[in-house]
């Protein structure tokens, strides 16, 4: 209130869209969450600045940052909207029937052997829920593609996203017997530089530990593809040396498809995370599905890896 003048609905919307723009780092990302256009959000913030007679944001093609006045307004009101979101979530989760759409992203193998069976069973239990699965190994497109949940193998970097570790797997180096016929097995981690390495495009280095010493092996892959399953298939086909979960290697070695390489070298662990948006209304259907993912994963991630790569 200012001079007895009560804030109205339009001003509340302007404040909300301003806070949303700050939270998501721009008008475009905020407009997706607000389900409107970026110019509409931009005009809304401009109207708020006119009303307050204060510049709240420095914005041009390269900059989007708060002024001192903008910092003050954001601190005063952002927690108000966060509390409203929490109260709405509580109300939403108290409703009986789950309805609506869930958009999920994950690497393709997770959909094949884990997510699809889980999604089908979830929809049987909740017939009014629709599930849409997108293939991705990271959370880069989370906001633009309006994803509700993401299962990723690369940690999310956006400060607006929450992530929790889903599971961790020990990794090992391996190559096919056919590859080793023509390329003698390396006797040290440094010798990997002389071999054909297989990796995803997002892994420029392998951090290995040999005899207590950390070794950073630059990965200039002979073949690169952002799919663990396809990297393993390439290794089985004789294309080179890859990193894979030990539980998968155990099965493939038993069938003589792959041979362990440098078994005494400690490899980095493979980690998967589940990601969702922070400070937004999380629909009860999304919360329920997220919790089911955790419940199912707690029954044994090793069984999942074994099924995926047997």
Protein backbone atom coordinates (compact mmCIF):
# COMPACT_ATOMS: atom_id res chain seq x y z
CA UNK A 1 0.00 0.00 0.00
CA UNK A 2 1.24 3.47 -0.83
CA UNK A 3 -0.63 6.60 0.33
CA UNK A 4 -3.67 4.44 1.04
CA UNK A 5 -3.57 2.87 -2.45
CA UNK A 6 -4.16 -0.89 -2.35
CA UNK A 7 -2.18 -3.16 -4.69
CA UNK A 8 -4.41 -4.62 -7.40
CA UNK A 9 -4.41 -7.88 -9.34
CA UNK A 10 -2.52 -6.45 -12.32
CA UNK A 11 0.24 -5.09 -10.10
CA UNK A 12 0.46 -8.44 -8.32
CA UNK A 13 0.87 -10.14 -11.70
CA UNK A 14 3.57 -7.65 -12.67
CA UNK A 15 5.42 -8.37 -9.43
CA UNK A 16 5.10 -12.11 -9.92
CA UNK A 17 6.41 -12.00 -13.48
CA UNK A 18 9.26 -9.75 -12.39
CA UNK A 19 10.28 -12.27 -9.70
CA UNK A 20 9.88 -15.12 -12.17
CA UNK A 21 12.12 -13.32 -14.69
CA UNK A 22 14.82 -12.87 -12.08
CA UNK A 23 14.53 -16.46 -10.89
CA UNK A 24 14.85 -17.93 -14.38
CA UNK A 25 17.33 -15.40 -15.72
CA UNK A 26 15.29 -13.79 -18.49
CA UNK A 27 11.92 -13.03 -20.00
CA UNK A 28 11.92 -15.99 -22.41
CA UNK A 29 12.34 -18.63 -19.69
CA UNK A 30 9.90 -16.81 -17.41
CA UNK A 31 7.29 -16.63 -20.17
CA UNK A 32 7.33 -20.42 -20.52
CA UNK A 33 6.53 -20.83 -16.82
CA UNK A 34 3.96 -18.03 -16.96
CA UNK A 35 2.39 -19.59 -20.08
CA UNK A 36 2.50 -16.30 -21.98
CA UNK A 37 4.84 -14.54 -24.43
CA UNK A 38 8.23 -13.04 -23.62
CA UNK A 39 7.13 -9.56 -24.86
CA UNK A 40 4.14 -9.72 -22.51
CA UNK A 41 6.42 -10.44 -19.53
CA UNK A 42 8.81 -7.69 -20.65
CA UNK A 43 5.97 -5.15 -20.88
CA UNK A 44 4.70 -6.25 -17.49
CA UNK A 45 8.07 -5.54 -15.90
CA UNK A 46 8.28 -2.20 -17.72
CA UNK A 47 4.86 -1.25 -16.31
CA UNK A 48 6.05 -2.18 -12.84
CA UNK A 49 9.09 0.08 -13.28
CA UNK A 50 6.84 2.94 -14.40
CA UNK A 51 4.56 2.48 -11.39
CA UNK A 52 7.48 2.44 -8.94
CA UNK A 53 9.42 5.09 -10.87
CA UNK A 54 12.49 2.87 -10.46
CA UNK A 55 14.62 0.93 -12.94
CA UNK A 56 14.60 -2.67 -11.71
CA UNK A 57 16.64 -4.43 -14.40
CA UNK A 58 19.56 -3.68 -16.69
CA UNK A 59 18.61 -5.57 -19.84
CA UNK A 60 19.97 -5.68 -23.36
CA UNK A 61 21.24 -8.34 -25.76
CA UNK A 62 24.08 -9.32 -23.39
CA UNK A 63 22.96 -8.28 -19.91
CA UNK A 64 20.08 -9.18 -17.64
CA UNK A 65 20.84 -8.14 -14.08
CA UNK A 66 19.19 -6.45 -11.16
CA UNK A 67 19.63 -2.83 -10.18
CA UNK A 68 19.85 -1.99 -6.49
CA UNK A 69 16.12 -1.17 -6.51
CA UNK A 70 15.38 -4.42 -8.33
CA UNK A 71 17.36 -6.36 -5.73
CA UNK A 72 15.28 -4.78 -2.97
CA UNK A 73 11.95 -5.53 -4.67
CA UNK A 74 12.98 -9.14 -5.40
CA UNK A 75 14.06 -9.75 -1.79
CA UNK A 76 10.78 -8.34 -0.47
CA UNK A 77 8.41 -10.28 -2.71
CA UNK A 78 10.09 -13.48 -4.00
CA UNK A 79 9.58 -15.32 -0.71
CA UNK A 80 5.89 -14.33 -0.74
CA UNK A 81 5.34 -16.09 -4.06
CA UNK A 82 7.44 -19.05 -2.90
CA UNK A 83 5.17 -19.46 0.12
CA UNK A 84 2.09 -19.22 -2.08
CA UNK A 85 3.53 -21.97 -4.29
CA UNK A 86 4.11 -24.17 -1.25
CA UNK A 87 0.59 -23.63 0.04
CA UNK A 88 -0.88 -24.37 -3.39
CA UNK A 89 1.20 -27.53 -3.64
CA UNK A 90 -0.11 -28.64 -0.26
CA UNK A 91 -3.67 -28.02 -1.44
CA UNK A 92 -3.06 -29.74 -4.78
CA UNK A 93 -1.53 -32.80 -3.12
CA UNK A 94 -4.58 -33.15 -0.90
CA UNK A 95 -6.83 -33.83 -3.88
CA UNK A 96 -7.89 -37.42 -4.44
CA UNK A 97 -7.48 -38.19 -8.15
CA UNK A 98 -4.29 -37.48 -10.09
CA UNK A 99 -4.90 -35.86 -13.48
CA UNK A 100 -2.95 -34.10 -16.23
CA UNK A 101 0.31 -34.45 -18.17
CA UNK A 102 3.82 -35.35 -16.99
CA UNK A 103 6.78 -34.56 -19.26
CA UNK A 104 9.92 -36.54 -18.44
CA UNK A 105 13.36 -36.58 -20.06
CA UNK A 106 15.93 -39.36 -19.67
CA UNK A 107 18.61 -41.26 -21.61
CA UNK A 108 17.09 -43.79 -23.99
CA UNK A 109 18.28 -46.92 -22.11
CA UNK A 110 16.49 -45.76 -18.97
CA UNK A 111 13.26 -45.50 -20.93
CA UNK A 112 13.75 -48.97 -22.42
CA UNK A 113 14.39 -50.88 -19.22
CA UNK A 114 13.06 -48.76 -16.39
CA UNK A 115 10.95 -45.73 -17.16
CA UNK A 116 8.53 -47.21 -19.70
CA UNK A 117 7.38 -50.13 -17.50
CA UNK A 118 7.05 -47.74 -14.58
CA UNK A 119 5.09 -45.19 -16.63
CA UNK A 120 2.69 -47.79 -18.00
CA UNK A 121 1.97 -49.15 -14.53
CA UNK A 122 1.56 -45.61 -13.15
CA UNK A 123 -1.00 -44.76 -15.86
CA UNK A 124 -2.93 -47.95 -15.07
CA UNK A 125 -3.21 -46.82 -11.46
CA UNK A 126 -4.00 -43.21 -12.47
CA UNK A 127 -6.00 -43.32 -15.73
CA UNK A 128 -6.35 -39.52 -15.94
CA UNK A 129 -2.56 -39.01 -16.13
CA UNK A 130 -0.73 -38.79 -19.49
CA UNK A 131 3.05 -39.28 -19.67
CA UNK A 132 5.37 -37.94 -22.38
CA UNK A 133 9.00 -39.13 -22.51
CA UNK A 134 11.78 -37.13 -24.18
CA UNK A 135 15.31 -38.49 -24.76
CA UNK A 136 18.15 -36.46 -23.20
CA UNK A 137 21.12 -37.23 -20.94
CA UNK A 138 21.28 -33.76 -19.35
CA UNK A 139 18.92 -31.02 -18.19
CA UNK A 140 19.93 -28.35 -20.72
CA UNK A 141 16.46 -28.27 -22.30
CA UNK A 142 14.53 -28.57 -19.05
CA UNK A 143 12.95 -25.10 -19.13
CA UNK A 144 12.61 -24.60 -22.88
CA UNK A 145 10.96 -28.00 -23.37
CA UNK A 146 8.77 -27.61 -20.27
CA UNK A 147 10.04 -30.78 -18.63
CA UNK A 148 8.60 -31.77 -15.23
CA UNK A 149 11.19 -34.38 -14.26
CA UNK A 150 14.56 -35.28 -15.78
CA UNK A 151 16.75 -38.31 -15.15
CA UNK A 152 20.28 -37.23 -16.10
CA UNK A 153 23.82 -38.60 -16.07
CA UNK A 154 25.34 -35.10 -16.17
CA UNK A 155 24.69 -32.88 -13.11
CA UNK A 156 22.33 -29.98 -13.75
CA UNK A 157 24.05 -26.59 -13.75
CA UNK A 158 21.07 -24.23 -13.59
CA UNK A 159 20.57 -22.66 -10.13
CA UNK A 160 16.82 -22.86 -10.71
CA UNK A 161 16.77 -26.65 -10.68
CA UNK A 162 16.86 -29.10 -7.80
CA UNK A 163 18.61 -32.43 -8.22
CA UNK A 164 18.95 -35.49 -6.04
CA UNK A 165 21.22 -38.44 -6.62
CA UNK A 166 19.25 -41.39 -7.90
CA UNK A 167 21.99 -44.01 -7.88
CA UNK A 168 25.72 -44.50 -8.35
CA UNK A 169 27.51 -47.25 -10.24
CA UNK A 170 31.14 -48.36 -10.19
CA UNK A 171 32.71 -48.18 -13.64
CA UNK A 172 35.47 -50.18 -15.33
CA UNK A 173 37.47 -50.14 -18.57
CA UNK A 174 36.92 -52.84 -21.17
CA UNK A 175 37.48 -53.81 -24.80
CA UNK A 176 36.44 -56.72 -26.98
CA UNK A 177 38.71 -59.74 -27.55
CA UNK A 178 38.67 -58.81 -31.26
CA UNK A 179 40.02 -55.30 -30.54
CA UNK A 180 42.73 -56.71 -28.26
CA UNK A 181 43.94 -59.06 -31.03
CA UNK A 182 45.05 -56.03 -33.02
CA UNK A 183 45.79 -53.59 -30.17
CA UNK A 184 47.66 -55.10 -27.20
CA UNK A 185 46.04 -54.21 -23.89
CA UNK A 186 47.50 -51.11 -22.19
CA UNK A 187 49.67 -51.80 -19.15
CA UNK A 188 49.16 -48.38 -17.52
CA UNK A 189 46.61 -45.58 -17.52
CA UNK A 190 48.96 -43.34 -19.51
CA UNK A 191 49.08 -45.97 -22.27
CA UNK A 192 45.37 -45.37 -22.92
CA UNK A 193 46.47 -42.34 -24.96
CA UNK A 194 47.75 -44.76 -27.63
CA UNK A 195 44.39 -46.52 -27.91
CA UNK A 196 41.03 -45.94 -29.54
CA UNK A 197 38.76 -44.61 -26.82
CA UNK A 198 34.98 -44.52 -26.90
CA UNK A 199 33.07 -41.85 -24.99
CA UNK A 200 30.21 -39.40 -25.03
CA UNK A 201 30.70 -35.87 -26.31
CA UNK A 202 30.41 -34.47 -22.77
CA UNK A 203 33.42 -36.29 -21.31
CA UNK A 204 36.69 -34.57 -22.29
CA UNK A 205 38.65 -36.41 -19.55
CA UNK A 206 38.69 -39.67 -17.66
CA UNK A 207 39.86 -39.17 -14.06
CA UNK A 208 41.57 -42.42 -13.04
CA UNK A 209 43.50 -43.45 -9.92
CA UNK A 210 46.50 -45.75 -10.42
CA UNK A 211 48.62 -46.84 -7.46
CA UNK A 212 47.21 -43.98 -5.42
CA UNK A 213 48.03 -41.37 -8.07
CA UNK A 214 45.28 -39.43 -9.84
CA UNK A 215 45.67 -39.40 -13.61
CA UNK A 216 43.68 -37.17 -15.92
CA UNK A 217 43.42 -38.90 -19.29
CA UNK A 218 42.33 -36.61 -22.15
CA UNK A 219 39.67 -38.36 -24.18
CA UNK A 220 39.96 -37.77 -27.90
CA UNK A 221 37.56 -40.49 -28.91
CA UNK A 222 37.78 -42.54 -32.04
CA UNK A 223 34.01 -42.68 -31.88
CA UNK A 224 31.80 -40.40 -29.76
CA UNK A 225 28.09 -40.73 -29.08
CA UNK A 226 26.04 -39.57 -26.09
CA UNK A 227 24.65 -42.99 -25.33
CA UNK A 228 26.23 -45.39 -22.87
CA UNK A 229 24.41 -48.32 -24.44
CA UNK A 230 25.68 -47.50 -27.92
CA UNK A 231 29.22 -46.92 -26.63
CA UNK A 232 29.14 -50.39 -25.10
CA UNK A 233 27.80 -51.86 -28.34
CA UNK A 234 30.63 -50.14 -30.22
CA UNK A 235 33.16 -51.65 -27.82
CA UNK A 236 31.65 -55.12 -28.28
CA UNK A 237 31.95 -54.58 -32.05
CA UNK A 238 35.70 -53.95 -31.66
CA UNK A 239 35.75 -50.16 -32.05
CA UNK A 240 37.85 -49.44 -28.96
CA UNK A 241 37.99 -49.15 -25.16
CA UNK A 242 35.04 -47.83 -23.17
CA UNK A 243 33.97 -47.12 -19.60
CA UNK A 244 30.93 -49.06 -18.42
CA UNK A 245 29.26 -50.20 -15.19
CA UNK A 246 31.04 -53.12 -13.56
CA UNK A 247 27.80 -55.06 -13.20
CA UNK A 248 27.28 -54.84 -16.98
CA UNK A 249 30.91 -55.77 -17.68
CA UNK A 250 30.56 -58.87 -15.50
CA UNK A 251 27.78 -60.20 -17.73
CA UNK A 252 29.48 -59.24 -20.97
CA UNK A 253 32.80 -60.74 -19.87
CA UNK A 254 31.05 -63.99 -18.96
CA UNK A 255 29.75 -64.17 -22.55
CA UNK A 256 33.26 -63.34 -23.86
CA UNK A 257 31.99 -60.14 -25.47
CA UNK A 258 34.25 -57.80 -23.48
CA UNK A 259 37.50 -58.15 -21.55
CA UNK A 260 38.39 -55.98 -18.52
CA UNK A 261 41.24 -53.50 -19.11
CA UNK A 262 43.51 -52.24 -16.29
CA UNK A 263 41.39 -53.90 -13.56
CA UNK A 264 43.53 -52.44 -10.74
CA UNK A 265 42.94 -48.86 -11.91
CA UNK A 266 40.15 -47.05 -10.04
CA UNK A 267 37.68 -45.45 -12.45
CA UNK A 268 35.21 -42.63 -11.78
CA UNK A 269 31.74 -43.59 -10.64
CA UNK A 270 28.75 -43.25 -12.93
CA UNK A 271 26.03 -41.21 -11.25
CA UNK A 272 22.43 -40.56 -12.22
CA UNK A 273 20.32 -37.74 -10.82
CA UNK A 274 16.66 -36.88 -10.86
CA UNK A 275 15.96 -33.20 -11.50
CA UNK A 276 12.91 -31.01 -11.00
CA UNK A 277 12.21 -27.27 -10.91
CA UNK A 278 12.65 -25.32 -7.69
CA UNK A 279 10.26 -22.65 -6.38
CA UNK A 280 7.37 -23.56 -8.61
CA UNK A 281 4.10 -25.35 -8.12
CA UNK A 282 4.87 -29.03 -8.46
CA UNK A 283 1.69 -30.85 -9.38
CA UNK A 284 0.71 -33.76 -7.19
CA UNK A 285 0.92 -36.13 -10.19
CA UNK A 286 4.59 -35.15 -10.69
CA UNK A 287 5.37 -35.58 -6.99
CA UNK A 288 3.70 -39.01 -7.01
CA UNK A 289 5.64 -40.17 -10.07
CA UNK A 290 8.93 -38.79 -8.71
CA UNK A 291 8.39 -40.68 -5.45
CA UNK A 292 7.63 -43.86 -7.39
CA UNK A 293 10.92 -43.49 -9.29
CA UNK A 294 12.76 -43.31 -5.96
CA UNK A 295 10.86 -46.29 -4.57
CA UNK A 296 11.57 -48.46 -7.60
CA UNK A 297 15.22 -47.43 -7.77
CA UNK A 298 15.74 -48.30 -4.11
CA UNK A 299 14.89 -51.92 -4.94
CA UNK A 300 18.21 -52.27 -6.79
CA UNK A 301 19.98 -50.14 -9.36
CA UNK A 302 22.39 -52.99 -10.12
CA UNK A 303 19.55 -55.06 -11.54
CA UNK A 304 18.69 -52.15 -13.86
CA UNK A 305 22.26 -51.87 -15.18
CA UNK A 306 22.42 -55.61 -15.70
CA UNK A 307 19.16 -55.68 -17.63
CA UNK A 308 20.12 -52.70 -19.79
CA UNK A 309 23.42 -54.10 -21.00
CA UNK A 310 23.14 -57.87 -20.87
